[in-house]
Amino acid sequence: MKDLIRKLVETVGPSGYEAAVREVVQAEIEGLADEIKVDALGNLIARKGTRSADGMRVMLSGHMDEIGVMVTHVDEKGFVRFTTIGGVSPATCIGGRVKFLNGVSGLIYMERLESSDRLPSMDQLYIDVGASSRETCPVKVGDVAVFDRPFLDLNGRLVSKAMDDRIAVAVMIQALKECQNSPHELYFVFSTQEEVGLRGATTAAFGVDPELALAVDVTRTGDTPKGVKMEVSLGKGPAIKVRDSGMLADPRVVRWMVETAEKSGIPYQLEVLEAGTTDARAMQLTRAGVPAGCLSIPTRYIHSPSEMVDYEDVLQSVRLLVELISHPVSLG
């Protein structure tokens, strides 16, 4: 899967501008589904299979978009001011490089600070694209960019920008390839604009009207020096979400996921995330409500230009997802 992952993470696709990523995904899944369509918000929806007597209409959602920046002003010397697309922190910006959709590259730096022991605010940062004036600046107000980082394989620990959530997109693509028989009518949704408010999944879920929903997304880890206190680590298997700041996973869905992992001998972790949420929140609240959960891939340094996953966790996530969708579901 590494070549697929590299292709996905190195493609530029901030929220609202996912077209290039969608093209990569569509090429990968061509011929694997009964129907593939793109809806009004740019979600790529692949339907596979027909529902048997003991099957359900199941929606899986992983988002294609990544965090980024948008130009708000270019000054007379050609320095670019910007706002954020999604959760971007000044702490991960300084000295970072960005690439605009038009191919222009630049680097982020900051104004001189009065106190060296404080982080700058976003309005103290600027992008230097090598211009000497507003007239020679190759970007304009409204242009968007993403962090520019290559894919690295550090002894099975994979590092890149946009692992959130392209790693889940890769897991879903691989699961679509490996799932040979299912009693369910499956909808693989590669969603848009998750980082700015779960917008793609909101409209897609209304259209699909699922009876069961699973998000596939990343989650934080608690295994770094003085990191957050949570029981998720790299290398210990996929995480099964119990709760995040936007939703409580349906206990019946959690139980089904845990029992499936245990029956299949797949290592897993239970996830309680105190900040952040996923497409599962949008799917859970669509129409009259849907039982929903989330399969999470443990990821270090989320929303930074260098997010890290463990390749074995990725492979086990594929195994678990395939097992989940290949058999009848009883939520009892």
C-alpha atoms as a PDB file:
ATOM      1  CA  MET A   1       0.000   0.000   0.000  1.00  0.00           C
ATOM      2  CA  LYS A   2       2.962   2.354   0.364  1.00  0.00           C
ATOM      3  CA  ASP A   3       2.928   3.554  -3.242  1.00  0.00           C
ATOM      4  CA  LEU A   4      -0.786   4.334  -2.937  1.00  0.00           C
ATOM      5  CA  ILE A   5      -0.245   6.163   0.344  1.00  0.00           C
ATOM      6  CA  ARG A   6       2.603   8.204  -1.130  1.00  0.00           C
ATOM      7  CA  LYS A   7       0.477   9.155  -4.137  1.00  0.00           C
ATOM      8  CA  LEU A   8      -2.414  10.264  -1.925  1.00  0.00           C
ATOM      9  CA  VAL A   9      -0.478  12.268   0.668  1.00  0.00           C
ATOM     10  CA  GLU A  10       1.683  14.087  -1.860  1.00  0.00           C
ATOM     11  CA  THR A  11      -1.361  15.271  -3.835  1.00  0.00           C
ATOM     12  CA  VAL A  12      -2.511  18.816  -3.051  1.00  0.00           C
ATOM     13  CA  GLY A  13      -6.103  19.045  -1.838  1.00  0.00           C
ATOM     14  CA  PRO A  14      -7.171  21.522   0.857  1.00  0.00           C
ATOM     15  CA  SER A  15     -10.800  21.768   1.953  1.00  0.00           C
ATOM     16  CA  GLY A  16     -13.022  22.848  -0.920  1.00  0.00           C
ATOM     17  CA  TYR A  17     -10.306  22.110  -3.499  1.00  0.00           C
ATOM     18  CA  GLU A  18     -10.181  18.311  -3.448  1.00  0.00           C
ATOM     19  CA  ALA A  19     -10.407  17.735  -7.230  1.00  0.00           C
ATOM     20  CA  ALA A  20      -6.850  16.426  -7.693  1.00  0.00           C
ATOM     21  CA  VAL A  21      -7.242  13.958  -4.816  1.00  0.00           C
ATOM     22  CA  ARG A  22     -10.617  12.855  -6.139  1.00  0.00           C
ATOM     23  CA  GLU A  23      -9.018  12.079  -9.518  1.00  0.00           C
ATOM     24  CA  VAL A  24      -6.400   9.868  -7.828  1.00  0.00           C
ATOM     25  CA  VAL A  25      -9.057   8.006  -5.837  1.00  0.00           C
ATOM     26  CA  GLN A  26     -11.350   7.580  -8.819  1.00  0.00           C
ATOM     27  CA  ALA A  27      -8.527   6.083 -10.883  1.00  0.00           C
ATOM     28  CA  GLU A  28      -7.739   3.629  -8.073  1.00  0.00           C
ATOM     29  CA  ILE A  29     -11.312   2.377  -7.630  1.00  0.00           C
ATOM     30  CA  GLU A  30     -12.346   2.280 -11.282  1.00  0.00           C
ATOM     31  CA  GLY A  31     -14.071  -1.050 -11.913  1.00  0.00           C
ATOM     32  CA  LEU A  32     -14.322  -1.968  -8.233  1.00  0.00           C
ATOM     33  CA  ALA A  33     -17.841  -0.617  -7.608  1.00  0.00           C
ATOM     34  CA  ASP A  34     -21.254  -0.963  -9.232  1.00  0.00           C
ATOM     35  CA  GLU A  35     -21.700   2.804  -9.409  1.00  0.00           C
ATOM     36  CA  ILE A  36     -19.345   5.747  -8.898  1.00  0.00           C
ATOM     37  CA  LYS A  37     -20.606   9.320  -8.810  1.00  0.00           C
ATOM     38  CA  VAL A  38     -19.600  12.790  -7.657  1.00  0.00           C
ATOM     39  CA  ASP A  39     -22.219  14.845  -5.829  1.00  0.00           C
ATOM     40  CA  ALA A  40     -22.772  18.600  -5.624  1.00  0.00           C
ATOM     41  CA  LEU A  41     -20.190  19.115  -2.842  1.00  0.00           C
ATOM     42  CA  GLY A  42     -17.563  17.047  -4.611  1.00  0.00           C
ATOM     43  CA  ASN A  43     -17.904  13.881  -2.546  1.00  0.00           C
ATOM     44  CA  LEU A  44     -16.866  10.758  -4.452  1.00  0.00           C
ATOM     45  CA  ILE A  45     -19.428   8.032  -3.725  1.00  0.00           C
ATOM     46  CA  ALA A  46     -18.837   4.423  -4.730  1.00  0.00           C
ATOM     47  CA  ARG A  47     -21.733   1.979  -4.305  1.00  0.00           C
ATOM     48  CA  LYS A  48     -20.951  -1.716  -4.188  1.00  0.00           C
ATOM     49  CA  GLY A  49     -23.231  -4.723  -3.879  1.00  0.00           C
ATOM     50  CA  THR A  50     -26.895  -5.279  -3.225  1.00  0.00           C
ATOM     51  CA  ARG A  51     -28.510  -5.732   0.133  1.00  0.00           C
ATOM     52  CA  SER A  52     -29.431  -9.315   1.059  1.00  0.00           C
ATOM     53  CA  ALA A  53     -32.084 -10.335   3.579  1.00  0.00           C
ATOM     54  CA  ASP A  54     -29.629 -10.051   6.468  1.00  0.00           C
ATOM     55  CA  GLY A  55     -27.811  -7.012   5.104  1.00  0.00           C
ATOM     56  CA  MET A  56     -27.992  -3.253   5.680  1.00  0.00           C
ATOM     57  CA  ARG A  57     -27.320  -0.036   3.794  1.00  0.00           C
ATOM     58  CA  VAL A  58     -23.887   0.868   5.181  1.00  0.00           C
ATOM     59  CA  MET A  59     -22.026   4.156   4.667  1.00  0.00           C
ATOM     60  CA  LEU A  60     -18.267   4.401   5.169  1.00  0.00           C
ATOM     61  CA  SER A  61     -16.719   7.862   5.079  1.00  0.00           C
ATOM     62  CA  GLY A  62     -13.130   9.078   4.977  1.00  0.00           C
ATOM     63  CA  HIS A  63     -12.322  12.645   4.018  1.00  0.00           C
ATOM     64  CA  MET A  64     -10.108  13.672   1.104  1.00  0.00           C
ATOM     65  CA  ASP A  65      -9.352  17.221   2.216  1.00  0.00           C
ATOM     66  CA  GLU A  66      -6.376  18.482   4.206  1.00  0.00           C
ATOM     67  CA  ILE A  67      -5.658  21.607   6.227  1.00  0.00           C
ATOM     68  CA  GLY A  68      -4.201  24.595   4.414  1.00  0.00           C
ATOM     69  CA  VAL A  69      -3.972  28.376   4.121  1.00  0.00           C
ATOM     70  CA  MET A  70      -5.617  31.068   1.978  1.00  0.00           C
ATOM     71  CA  VAL A  71      -4.164  34.418   0.918  1.00  0.00           C
ATOM     72  CA  THR A  72      -5.895  37.431   2.482  1.00  0.00           C
ATOM     73  CA  HIS A  73      -3.492  40.248   1.507  1.00  0.00           C
ATOM     74  CA  VAL A  74      -0.279  40.923  -0.429  1.00  0.00           C
ATOM     75  CA  ASP A  75       1.735  43.943   0.776  1.00  0.00           C
ATOM     76  CA  GLU A  76       3.742  46.380  -1.332  1.00  0.00           C
ATOM     77  CA  LYS A  77       6.932  44.305  -0.883  1.00  0.00           C
ATOM     78  CA  GLY A  78       5.265  41.085  -2.028  1.00  0.00           C
ATOM     79  CA  PHE A  79       4.895  39.426   1.362  1.00  0.00           C
ATOM     80  CA  VAL A  80       1.723  37.358   1.662  1.00  0.00           C
ATOM     81  CA  ARG A  81      -0.636  37.376   4.642  1.00  0.00           C
ATOM     82  CA  PHE A  82      -3.017  34.464   5.065  1.00  0.00           C
ATOM     83  CA  THR A  83      -5.839  32.871   7.000  1.00  0.00           C
ATOM     84  CA  THR A  84      -6.238  29.198   7.824  1.00  0.00           C
ATOM     85  CA  ILE A  85      -8.298  26.445   6.226  1.00  0.00           C
ATOM     86  CA  GLY A  86      -8.984  24.050   9.073  1.00  0.00           C
ATOM     87  CA  GLY A  87      -6.949  23.637  12.248  1.00  0.00           C
ATOM     88  CA  VAL A  88      -3.555  25.204  11.569  1.00  0.00           C
ATOM     89  CA  SER A  89      -1.373  26.256  14.532  1.00  0.00           C
ATOM     90  CA  PRO A  90       1.410  28.886  14.489  1.00  0.00           C
ATOM     91  CA  ALA A  91       3.577  26.368  16.352  1.00  0.00           C
ATOM     92  CA  THR A  92       3.764  24.140  13.263  1.00  0.00           C
ATOM     93  CA  CYS A  93       4.075  26.939  10.696  1.00  0.00           C
ATOM     94  CA  ILE A  94       7.322  28.832  11.328  1.00  0.00           C
ATOM     95  CA  GLY A  95       9.938  27.873   8.756  1.00  0.00           C
ATOM     96  CA  GLY A  96       7.458  25.582   7.018  1.00  0.00           C
ATOM     97  CA  ARG A  97       7.090  25.422   3.277  1.00  0.00           C
ATOM     98  CA  VAL A  98       3.832  25.621   1.364  1.00  0.00           C
ATOM     99  CA  LYS A  99       2.713  24.884  -2.177  1.00  0.00           C
ATOM    100  CA  PHE A 100      -0.135  26.741  -3.878  1.00  0.00           C
ATOM    101  CA  LEU A 101      -2.596  25.101  -6.230  1.00  0.00           C
ATOM    102  CA  ASN A 102      -0.976  27.026  -9.116  1.00  0.00           C
ATOM    103  CA  GLY A 103       2.385  25.390  -8.325  1.00  0.00           C
ATOM    104  CA  VAL A 104       4.008  28.361  -6.589  1.00  0.00           C
ATOM    105  CA  SER A 105       6.068  27.515  -3.504  1.00  0.00           C
ATOM    106  CA  GLY A 106       6.752  29.668  -0.473  1.00  0.00           C
ATOM    107  CA  LEU A 107       7.928  29.601   3.112  1.00  0.00           C
ATOM    108  CA  ILE A 108       6.230  30.810   6.270  1.00  0.00           C
ATOM    109  CA  TYR A 109       8.026  33.077   8.697  1.00  0.00           C
ATOM    110  CA  MET A 110       7.124  35.597  11.377  1.00  0.00           C
ATOM    111  CA  GLU A 111       7.483  39.215  12.354  1.00  0.00           C
ATOM    112  CA  ARG A 112      10.059  40.006  15.035  1.00  0.00           C
ATOM    113  CA  LEU A 113       8.483  39.265  18.416  1.00  0.00           C
ATOM    114  CA  GLU A 114       8.753  41.482  21.487  1.00  0.00           C
ATOM    115  CA  SER A 115       9.081  38.408  23.685  1.00  0.00           C
ATOM    116  CA  SER A 116      11.043  35.368  22.542  1.00  0.00           C
ATOM    117  CA  ASP A 117       9.233  33.042  24.945  1.00  0.00           C
ATOM    118  CA  ARG A 118       5.861  33.407  23.215  1.00  0.00           C
ATOM    119  CA  LEU A 119       4.484  31.957  20.022  1.00  0.00           C
ATOM    120  CA  PRO A 120       3.366  34.421  17.363  1.00  0.00           C
ATOM    121  CA  SER A 121      -0.306  34.817  16.533  1.00  0.00           C
ATOM    122  CA  MET A 122      -1.496  33.920  13.049  1.00  0.00           C
ATOM    123  CA  ASP A 123      -1.614  37.591  12.045  1.00  0.00           C
ATOM    124  CA  GLN A 124       2.124  37.866  12.809  1.00  0.00           C
ATOM    125  CA  LEU A 125       2.978  35.235  10.211  1.00  0.00           C
ATOM    126  CA  TYR A 126       3.555  35.774   6.502  1.00  0.00           C
ATOM    127  CA  ILE A 127       4.522  33.765   3.419  1.00  0.00           C
ATOM    128  CA  ASP A 128       7.606  34.687   1.401  1.00  0.00           C
ATOM    129  CA  VAL A 129       7.228  33.543  -2.214  1.00  0.00           C
ATOM    130  CA  GLY A 130      10.389  35.294  -3.404  1.00  0.00           C
ATOM    131  CA  ALA A 131       8.561  38.351  -4.759  1.00  0.00           C
ATOM    132  CA  SER A 132       9.936  41.888  -4.435  1.00  0.00           C
ATOM    133  CA  SER A 133       6.644  43.749  -4.906  1.00  0.00           C
ATOM    134  CA  ARG A 134       2.897  43.275  -5.000  1.00  0.00           C
ATOM    135  CA  GLU A 135       3.045  43.454  -8.800  1.00  0.00           C
ATOM    136  CA  THR A 136       5.586  40.623  -9.096  1.00  0.00           C
ATOM    137  CA  CYS A 137       3.898  38.386  -6.530  1.00  0.00           C
ATOM    138  CA  PRO A 138       2.740  35.161  -8.262  1.00  0.00           C
ATOM    139  CA  VAL A 139      -0.241  34.622  -5.936  1.00  0.00           C
ATOM    140  CA  LYS A 140      -3.286  36.737  -5.219  1.00  0.00           C
ATOM    141  CA  VAL A 141      -6.035  37.114  -2.621  1.00  0.00           C
ATOM    142  CA  GLY A 142      -8.076  33.909  -2.397  1.00  0.00           C
ATOM    143  CA  ASP A 143      -5.312  31.577  -3.600  1.00  0.00           C
ATOM    144  CA  VAL A 144      -4.888  28.481  -1.419  1.00  0.00           C
ATOM    145  CA  ALA A 145      -1.904  26.371  -0.409  1.00  0.00           C
ATOM    146  CA  VAL A 146      -1.024  23.301   1.639  1.00  0.00           C
ATOM    147  CA  PHE A 147       2.094  22.346   3.557  1.00  0.00           C
ATOM    148  CA  ASP A 148       4.829  20.982   1.314  1.00  0.00           C
ATOM    149  CA  ARG A 149       6.460  17.860   2.755  1.00  0.00           C
ATOM    150  CA  PRO A 150       7.717  14.646   1.107  1.00  0.00           C
ATOM    151  CA  PHE A 151       6.604  11.174   2.136  1.00  0.00           C
ATOM    152  CA  LEU A 152       9.073   9.355   4.411  1.00  0.00           C
ATOM    153  CA  ASP A 153       9.279   5.730   5.516  1.00  0.00           C
ATOM    154  CA  LEU A 154      11.102   5.611   8.853  1.00  0.00           C
ATOM    155  CA  ASN A 155      11.432   1.884   9.503  1.00  0.00           C
ATOM    156  CA  GLY A 156       7.717   1.295   9.006  1.00  0.00           C
ATOM    157  CA  ARG A 157       6.660   4.581  10.542  1.00  0.00           C
ATOM    158  CA  LEU A 158       5.241   6.578   7.640  1.00  0.00           C
ATOM    159  CA  VAL A 159       5.515  10.381   7.766  1.00  0.00           C
ATOM    160  CA  SER A 160       3.947  13.059   5.581  1.00  0.00           C
ATOM    161  CA  LYS A 161       1.614  15.994   5.484  1.00  0.00           C
ATOM    162  CA  ALA A 162      -2.055  15.045   4.968  1.00  0.00           C
ATOM    163  CA  MET A 163      -1.986  11.631   6.652  1.00  0.00           C
ATOM    164  CA  ASP A 164      -5.156  13.177   8.108  1.00  0.00           C
ATOM    165  CA  ASP A 165      -7.070  11.783   6.363  1.00  0.00           C
ATOM    166  CA  ARG A 166      -5.464  10.341   3.246  1.00  0.00           C
ATOM    167  CA  ILE A 167      -4.293   7.348   5.261  1.00  0.00           C
ATOM    168  CA  ALA A 168      -7.962   6.510   5.868  1.00  0.00           C
ATOM    169  CA  VAL A 169      -8.702   7.065   2.183  1.00  0.00           C
ATOM    170  CA  ALA A 170      -5.977   4.510   1.422  1.00  0.00           C
ATOM    171  CA  VAL A 171      -7.482   2.069   3.948  1.00  0.00           C
ATOM    172  CA  MET A 172     -10.915   2.431   2.347  1.00  0.00           C
ATOM    173  CA  ILE A 173      -9.544   1.951  -1.174  1.00  0.00           C
ATOM    174  CA  GLN A 174      -7.719  -1.205  -0.094  1.00  0.00           C
ATOM    175  CA  ALA A 175     -10.797  -2.510   1.724  1.00  0.00           C
ATOM    176  CA  LEU A 176     -12.869  -1.916  -1.415  1.00  0.00           C
ATOM    177  CA  LYS A 177     -10.305  -3.962  -3.363  1.00  0.00           C
ATOM    178  CA  GLU A 178     -10.255  -6.804  -0.819  1.00  0.00           C
ATOM    179  CA  CYS A 179     -13.960  -7.071   0.028  1.00  0.00           C
ATOM    180  CA  GLN A 180     -15.193  -9.857  -2.244  1.00  0.00           C
ATOM    181  CA  ASN A 181     -18.540 -10.729  -0.687  1.00  0.00           C
ATOM    182  CA  SER A 182     -20.831  -8.709   1.547  1.00  0.00           C
ATOM    183  CA  PRO A 183     -24.489  -9.016   2.508  1.00  0.00           C
ATOM    184  CA  HIS A 184     -24.668  -5.215   2.578  1.00  0.00           C
ATOM    185  CA  GLU A 185     -25.257  -2.431   0.121  1.00  0.00           C
ATOM    186  CA  LEU A 186     -22.017  -0.551   0.711  1.00  0.00           C
ATOM    187  CA  TYR A 187     -21.388   3.135   0.097  1.00  0.00           C
ATOM    188  CA  PHE A 188     -17.737   4.147   0.188  1.00  0.00           C
ATOM    189  CA  VAL A 189     -17.808   7.939   0.541  1.00  0.00           C
ATOM    190  CA  PHE A 190     -14.606   9.911   0.003  1.00  0.00           C
ATOM    191  CA  SER A 191     -15.812  13.142   1.519  1.00  0.00           C
ATOM    192  CA  THR A 192     -14.950  16.816   1.154  1.00  0.00           C
ATOM    193  CA  GLN A 193     -14.567  19.746   3.549  1.00  0.00           C
ATOM    194  CA  GLU A 194     -14.313  17.700   6.753  1.00  0.00           C
ATOM    195  CA  GLU A 195     -11.643  19.992   8.183  1.00  0.00           C
ATOM    196  CA  VAL A 196     -13.958  22.997   7.991  1.00  0.00           C
ATOM    197  CA  GLY A 197     -17.072  21.436   9.499  1.00  0.00           C
ATOM    198  CA  LEU A 198     -17.882  17.920   8.208  1.00  0.00           C
ATOM    199  CA  ARG A 199     -19.694  19.513   5.286  1.00  0.00           C
ATOM    200  CA  GLY A 200     -19.260  16.830   2.651  1.00  0.00           C
ATOM    201  CA  ALA A 201     -20.295  13.987   4.945  1.00  0.00           C
ATOM    202  CA  THR A 202     -23.350  15.971   6.051  1.00  0.00           C
ATOM    203  CA  THR A 203     -24.797  16.182   2.547  1.00  0.00           C
ATOM    204  CA  ALA A 204     -23.596  12.732   1.470  1.00  0.00           C
ATOM    205  CA  ALA A 205     -25.229  11.068   4.475  1.00  0.00           C
ATOM    206  CA  PHE A 206     -28.523  12.794   3.691  1.00  0.00           C
ATOM    207  CA  GLY A 207     -28.347  11.418   0.153  1.00  0.00           C
ATOM    208  CA  VAL A 208     -27.276   7.889   1.080  1.00  0.00           C
ATOM    209  CA  ASP A 209     -29.661   7.621   4.054  1.00  0.00           C
ATOM    210  CA  PRO A 210     -27.642   4.808   5.710  1.00  0.00           C
ATOM    211  CA  GLU A 211     -28.855   2.339   8.306  1.00  0.00           C
ATOM    212  CA  LEU A 212     -25.339   2.005   9.736  1.00  0.00           C
ATOM    213  CA  ALA A 213     -22.406   4.402   9.427  1.00  0.00           C
ATOM    214  CA  LEU A 214     -18.666   4.182  10.026  1.00  0.00           C
ATOM    215  CA  ALA A 215     -16.146   6.965   9.695  1.00  0.00           C
ATOM    216  CA  VAL A 216     -12.528   6.076   8.998  1.00  0.00           C
ATOM    217  CA  ASP A 217     -10.194   8.748  10.328  1.00  0.00           C
ATOM    218  CA  VAL A 218      -7.047   9.386  12.325  1.00  0.00           C
ATOM    219  CA  THR A 219      -6.823   9.876  16.069  1.00  0.00           C
ATOM    220  CA  ARG A 220      -4.213  11.290  18.415  1.00  0.00           C
ATOM    221  CA  THR A 221      -1.819   9.185  20.456  1.00  0.00           C
ATOM    222  CA  GLY A 222      -0.631   9.394  24.043  1.00  0.00           C
ATOM    223  CA  ASP A 223       2.787   7.842  23.451  1.00  0.00           C
ATOM    224  CA  THR A 224       5.072  10.869  22.977  1.00  0.00           C
ATOM    225  CA  PRO A 225       7.108  12.713  25.689  1.00  0.00           C
ATOM    226  CA  LYS A 226       4.746  14.711  27.906  1.00  0.00           C
ATOM    227  CA  GLY A 227       1.988  14.164  25.331  1.00  0.00           C
ATOM    228  CA  VAL A 228      -1.750  14.038  25.856  1.00  0.00           C
ATOM    229  CA  LYS A 229      -3.038  11.522  28.377  1.00  0.00           C
ATOM    230  CA  MET A 230      -4.848   8.931  26.297  1.00  0.00           C
ATOM    231  CA  GLU A 231      -4.595   5.173  25.850  1.00  0.00           C
ATOM    232  CA  VAL A 232      -3.712   5.056  22.169  1.00  0.00           C
ATOM    233  CA  SER A 233      -0.219   4.291  20.829  1.00  0.00           C
ATOM    234  CA  LEU A 234       1.417   3.658  17.493  1.00  0.00           C
ATOM    235  CA  GLY A 235       1.956   0.003  16.691  1.00  0.00           C
ATOM    236  CA  LYS A 236      -0.795  -1.446  18.863  1.00  0.00           C
ATOM    237  CA  GLY A 237      -3.460  -1.746  16.203  1.00  0.00           C
ATOM    238  CA  PRO A 238      -6.394   0.322  14.982  1.00  0.00           C
ATOM    239  CA  ALA A 239      -8.475   2.228  17.520  1.00  0.00           C
ATOM    240  CA  ILE A 240     -12.197   1.806  18.026  1.00  0.00           C
ATOM    241  CA  LYS A 241     -13.758   5.126  18.969  1.00  0.00           C
ATOM    242  CA  VAL A 242     -15.879   5.295  22.098  1.00  0.00           C
ATOM    243  CA  ARG A 243     -16.169   9.052  22.300  1.00  0.00           C
ATOM    244  CA  ASP A 244     -14.778  12.313  20.949  1.00  0.00           C
ATOM    245  CA  SER A 245     -15.730  15.942  21.471  1.00  0.00           C
ATOM    246  CA  GLY A 246     -18.426  15.782  18.784  1.00  0.00           C
ATOM    247  CA  MET A 247     -20.086  12.425  19.278  1.00  0.00           C
ATOM    248  CA  LEU A 248     -20.667   9.410  21.444  1.00  0.00           C
ATOM    249  CA  ALA A 249     -20.242   6.268  19.373  1.00  0.00           C
ATOM    250  CA  ASP A 250     -23.284   3.998  19.531  1.00  0.00           C
ATOM    251  CA  PRO A 251     -22.419   1.386  22.197  1.00  0.00           C
ATOM    252  CA  ARG A 252     -23.870  -1.345  19.988  1.00  0.00           C
ATOM    253  CA  VAL A 253     -21.522  -0.322  17.175  1.00  0.00           C
ATOM    254  CA  VAL A 254     -18.553  -0.269  19.567  1.00  0.00           C
ATOM    255  CA  ARG A 255     -19.450  -3.754  20.795  1.00  0.00           C
ATOM    256  CA  TRP A 256     -19.811  -5.063  17.235  1.00  0.00           C
ATOM    257  CA  MET A 257     -16.414  -3.642  16.290  1.00  0.00           C
ATOM    258  CA  VAL A 258     -14.699  -5.032  19.389  1.00  0.00           C
ATOM    259  CA  GLU A 259     -16.245  -8.486  18.977  1.00  0.00           C
ATOM    260  CA  THR A 260     -15.247  -8.560  15.306  1.00  0.00           C
ATOM    261  CA  ALA A 261     -11.645  -7.632  16.130  1.00  0.00           C
ATOM    262  CA  GLU A 262     -11.421 -10.242  18.885  1.00  0.00           C
ATOM    263  CA  LYS A 263     -12.990 -12.984  16.777  1.00  0.00           C
ATOM    264  CA  SER A 264     -10.570 -12.244  13.937  1.00  0.00           C
ATOM    265  CA  GLY A 265      -7.474 -11.952  16.129  1.00  0.00           C
ATOM    266  CA  ILE A 266      -6.926  -8.332  15.141  1.00  0.00           C
ATOM    267  CA  PRO A 267      -5.211  -6.122  17.744  1.00  0.00           C
ATOM    268  CA  TYR A 268      -7.248  -3.058  18.684  1.00  0.00           C
ATOM    269  CA  GLN A 269      -7.318  -0.134  21.094  1.00  0.00           C
ATOM    270  CA  LEU A 270     -10.235   1.756  22.604  1.00  0.00           C
ATOM    271  CA  GLU A 271     -10.227   5.471  21.894  1.00  0.00           C
ATOM    272  CA  VAL A 272     -11.567   8.292  24.038  1.00  0.00           C
ATOM    273  CA  LEU A 273     -10.613  11.516  22.280  1.00  0.00           C
ATOM    274  CA  GLU A 274     -11.117  14.734  24.211  1.00  0.00           C
ATOM    275  CA  ALA A 275     -10.637  17.111  21.277  1.00  0.00           C
ATOM    276  CA  GLY A 276     -11.779  16.838  17.687  1.00  0.00           C
ATOM    277  CA  THR A 277     -14.397  14.823  15.844  1.00  0.00           C
ATOM    278  CA  THR A 278     -14.990  13.024  12.541  1.00  0.00           C
ATOM    279  CA  ASP A 279     -17.510  12.456   9.764  1.00  0.00           C
ATOM    280  CA  ALA A 280     -19.243  10.042  12.167  1.00  0.00           C
ATOM    281  CA  ARG A 281     -20.832  13.027  13.914  1.00  0.00           C
ATOM    282  CA  ALA A 282     -22.451  14.197  10.682  1.00  0.00           C
ATOM    283  CA  MET A 283     -23.619  10.718   9.735  1.00  0.00           C
ATOM    284  CA  GLN A 284     -25.003  10.031  13.209  1.00  0.00           C
ATOM    285  CA  LEU A 285     -27.201  13.114  13.042  1.00  0.00           C
ATOM    286  CA  THR A 286     -28.517  12.795   9.492  1.00  0.00           C
ATOM    287  CA  ARG A 287     -32.271  12.622   8.928  1.00  0.00           C
ATOM    288  CA  ALA A 288     -33.814  10.716  11.880  1.00  0.00           C
ATOM    289  CA  GLY A 289     -30.435   9.512  13.192  1.00  0.00           C
ATOM    290  CA  VAL A 290     -28.080   6.620  12.387  1.00  0.00           C
ATOM    291  CA  PRO A 291     -26.100   4.159  14.567  1.00  0.00           C
ATOM    292  CA  ALA A 292     -22.534   5.319  13.985  1.00  0.00           C
ATOM    293  CA  GLY A 293     -18.974   4.601  15.002  1.00  0.00           C
ATOM    294  CA  CYS A 294     -15.440   5.244  13.847  1.00  0.00           C
ATOM    295  CA  LEU A 295     -12.420   3.147  12.950  1.00  0.00           C
ATOM    296  CA  SER A 296      -9.404   5.270  13.874  1.00  0.00           C
ATOM    297  CA  ILE A 297      -5.793   5.040  12.738  1.00  0.00           C
ATOM    298  CA  PRO A 298      -3.375   6.147  15.503  1.00  0.00           C
ATOM    299  CA  THR A 299      -1.404   9.159  14.285  1.00  0.00           C
ATOM    300  CA  ARG A 300       1.257  11.316  15.908  1.00  0.00           C
ATOM    301  CA  TYR A 301       1.596  15.056  15.280  1.00  0.00           C
ATOM    302  CA  ILE A 302      -1.872  15.533  13.786  1.00  0.00           C
ATOM    303  CA  HIS A 303      -2.429  18.863  11.998  1.00  0.00           C
ATOM    304  CA  SER A 304       1.290  19.386  11.574  1.00  0.00           C
ATOM    305  CA  PRO A 305       3.234  19.210   8.296  1.00  0.00           C
ATOM    306  CA  SER A 306       4.696  15.846   9.378  1.00  0.00           C
ATOM    307  CA  GLU A 307       2.054  13.417  10.613  1.00  0.00           C
ATOM    308  CA  MET A 308       3.171   9.879  11.502  1.00  0.00           C
ATOM    309  CA  VAL A 309       1.412   6.508  11.325  1.00  0.00           C
ATOM    310  CA  ASP A 310       2.596   2.932  11.821  1.00  0.00           C
ATOM    311  CA  TYR A 311       2.343   0.805   8.673  1.00  0.00           C
ATOM    312  CA  GLU A 312       1.306  -2.293  10.599  1.00  0.00           C
ATOM    313  CA  ASP A 313      -1.581  -0.326  12.164  1.00  0.00           C
ATOM    314  CA  VAL A 314      -2.637   0.628   8.641  1.00  0.00           C
ATOM    315  CA  LEU A 315      -2.633  -2.989   7.448  1.00  0.00           C
ATOM    316  CA  GLN A 316      -4.572  -4.125  10.520  1.00  0.00           C
ATOM    317  CA  SER A 317      -7.078  -1.312   9.925  1.00  0.00           C
ATOM    318  CA  VAL A 318      -7.721  -2.711   6.454  1.00  0.00           C
ATOM    319  CA  ARG A 319      -8.190  -6.202   7.910  1.00  0.00           C
ATOM    320  CA  LEU A 320     -10.668  -4.962  10.492  1.00  0.00           C
ATOM    321  CA  LEU A 321     -12.646  -2.878   8.009  1.00  0.00           C
ATOM    322  CA  VAL A 322     -12.913  -5.800   5.579  1.00  0.00           C
ATOM    323  CA  GLU A 323     -14.095  -8.107   8.374  1.00  0.00           C
ATOM    324  CA  LEU A 324     -16.670  -5.552   9.537  1.00  0.00           C
ATOM    325  CA  ILE A 325     -18.301  -5.145   6.138  1.00  0.00           C
ATOM    326  CA  SER A 326     -18.076  -8.766   4.969  1.00  0.00           C
ATOM    327  CA  HIS A 327     -20.567 -10.272   7.407  1.00  0.00           C
ATOM    328  CA  PRO A 328     -24.093  -9.614   8.680  1.00  0.00           C
ATOM    329  CA  VAL A 329     -24.367  -7.087  11.482  1.00  0.00           C
ATOM    330  CA  SER A 330     -26.496  -7.629  14.561  1.00  0.00           C
ATOM    331  CA  LEU A 331     -26.742  -4.563  16.786  1.00  0.00           C
ATOM    332  CA  GLY A 332     -29.328  -6.251  18.985  1.00  0.00           C
END
